[in-house]
Amino acid sequence: MSAPLALVTGGSQGIGEAIALRLARSGYRLALLARQEHALSRVRHEIAAHGGTAEIFPWFIHNALVHYL
């Protein structure tokens, strides 16, 4: 059975980063979303350094919503 997967928005800093790190320590695979790619990369490297896995998705919700407004 594979590890559970969690999607964390705002995973590059603050509460989102703390949640991502906690989930990674608990064995989750992660998908991290946030605006700043360099900050997401930093969190991904920290997770990997402790044996976890994370994919990053730089994304700004405004860019997605502009197509619907």
C-alpha atoms as a PDB file:
ATOM      1  CA  MET A   1       0.000   0.000   0.000  1.00  0.00           C
ATOM      2  CA  SER A   2       1.383   3.408  -0.912  1.00  0.00           C
ATOM      3  CA  ALA A   3       1.659   6.324   1.489  1.00  0.00           C
ATOM      4  CA  PRO A   4      -1.331   8.655   1.748  1.00  0.00           C
ATOM      5  CA  LEU A   5      -1.269  11.831  -0.356  1.00  0.00           C
ATOM      6  CA  ALA A   6      -2.005  15.322   0.949  1.00  0.00           C
ATOM      7  CA  LEU A   7      -2.462  18.569  -0.959  1.00  0.00           C
ATOM      8  CA  VAL A   8      -1.213  21.599   0.983  1.00  0.00           C
ATOM      9  CA  THR A   9      -2.025  25.075  -0.254  1.00  0.00           C
ATOM     10  CA  GLY A  10       0.229  27.852   0.965  1.00  0.00           C
ATOM     11  CA  GLY A  11       2.876  25.204   1.593  1.00  0.00           C
ATOM     12  CA  SER A  12       5.854  27.490   1.100  1.00  0.00           C
ATOM     13  CA  GLN A  13       5.741  29.368   4.410  1.00  0.00           C
ATOM     14  CA  GLY A  14       4.010  29.879   7.723  1.00  0.00           C
ATOM     15  CA  ILE A  15       1.218  27.538   8.755  1.00  0.00           C
ATOM     16  CA  GLY A  16       1.146  25.794   5.363  1.00  0.00           C
ATOM     17  CA  GLU A  17       4.846  24.972   5.607  1.00  0.00           C
ATOM     18  CA  ALA A  18       4.442  23.716   9.181  1.00  0.00           C
ATOM     19  CA  ILE A  19       1.532  21.497   8.126  1.00  0.00           C
ATOM     20  CA  ALA A  20       3.529  20.149   5.168  1.00  0.00           C
ATOM     21  CA  LEU A  21       6.517  19.303   7.364  1.00  0.00           C
ATOM     22  CA  ARG A  22       4.299  17.610   9.972  1.00  0.00           C
ATOM     23  CA  LEU A  23       2.504  15.548   7.325  1.00  0.00           C
ATOM     24  CA  ALA A  24       5.815  14.551   5.728  1.00  0.00           C
ATOM     25  CA  ARG A  25       7.115  13.363   9.111  1.00  0.00           C
ATOM     26  CA  SER A  26       3.917  11.321   9.433  1.00  0.00           C
ATOM     27  CA  GLY A  27       4.624   9.530   6.160  1.00  0.00           C
ATOM     28  CA  TYR A  28       2.450  11.440   3.713  1.00  0.00           C
ATOM     29  CA  ARG A  29       3.422  12.138   0.117  1.00  0.00           C
ATOM     30  CA  LEU A  30       2.784  15.805  -0.573  1.00  0.00           C
ATOM     31  CA  ALA A  31       1.614  18.096  -3.334  1.00  0.00           C
ATOM     32  CA  LEU A  32       2.539  21.656  -2.358  1.00  0.00           C
ATOM     33  CA  LEU A  33       0.897  24.719  -3.915  1.00  0.00           C
ATOM     34  CA  ALA A  34       1.948  28.332  -3.437  1.00  0.00           C
ATOM     35  CA  ARG A  35       2.894  31.411  -5.432  1.00  0.00           C
ATOM     36  CA  GLN A  36       6.653  31.407  -4.874  1.00  0.00           C
ATOM     37  CA  GLU A  37       8.458  28.590  -6.664  1.00  0.00           C
ATOM     38  CA  HIS A  38      11.779  29.206  -4.905  1.00  0.00           C
ATOM     39  CA  ALA A  39      10.107  28.952  -1.488  1.00  0.00           C
ATOM     40  CA  LEU A  40       8.294  25.768  -2.525  1.00  0.00           C
ATOM     41  CA  SER A  41      11.624  24.307  -3.664  1.00  0.00           C
ATOM     42  CA  ARG A  42      13.165  25.090  -0.285  1.00  0.00           C
ATOM     43  CA  VAL A  43      10.363  23.249   1.532  1.00  0.00           C
ATOM     44  CA  ARG A  44      10.584  20.312  -0.899  1.00  0.00           C
ATOM     45  CA  HIS A  45      14.335  20.016  -0.241  1.00  0.00           C
ATOM     46  CA  GLU A  46      13.771  20.122   3.518  1.00  0.00           C
ATOM     47  CA  ILE A  47      11.170  17.361   3.235  1.00  0.00           C
ATOM     48  CA  ALA A  48      13.488  15.268   1.032  1.00  0.00           C
ATOM     49  CA  ALA A  49      16.375  15.759   3.484  1.00  0.00           C
ATOM     50  CA  HIS A  50      14.243  13.968   6.072  1.00  0.00           C
ATOM     51  CA  GLY A  51      13.254  11.141   3.728  1.00  0.00           C
ATOM     52  CA  GLY A  52       9.893  12.497   2.553  1.00  0.00           C
ATOM     53  CA  THR A  53       8.561  13.186  -0.911  1.00  0.00           C
ATOM     54  CA  ALA A  54       6.866  16.284  -2.272  1.00  0.00           C
ATOM     55  CA  GLU A  55       5.920  17.644  -5.651  1.00  0.00           C
ATOM     56  CA  ILE A  56       5.606  21.404  -6.045  1.00  0.00           C
ATOM     57  CA  PHE A  57       3.087  23.384  -8.059  1.00  0.00           C
ATOM     58  CA  PRO A  58       3.700  27.140  -8.262  1.00  0.00           C
ATOM     59  CA  TRP A  59       0.233  28.611  -8.624  1.00  0.00           C
ATOM     60  CA  PHE A  60      -1.440  31.942  -8.021  1.00  0.00           C
ATOM     61  CA  ILE A  61      -5.212  31.655  -7.651  1.00  0.00           C
ATOM     62  CA  HIS A  62      -5.747  35.071  -9.208  1.00  0.00           C
ATOM     63  CA  ASN A  63      -4.382  33.753 -12.511  1.00  0.00           C
ATOM     64  CA  ALA A  64      -6.914  30.928 -12.462  1.00  0.00           C
ATOM     65  CA  LEU A  65      -9.853  33.083 -11.413  1.00  0.00           C
ATOM     66  CA  VAL A  66      -9.267  35.777 -14.019  1.00  0.00           C
ATOM     67  CA  HIS A  67     -10.555  33.350 -16.665  1.00  0.00           C
ATOM     68  CA  TYR A  68     -13.849  32.945 -14.828  1.00  0.00           C
ATOM     69  CA  LEU A  69     -14.578  36.558 -13.870  1.00  0.00           C
END
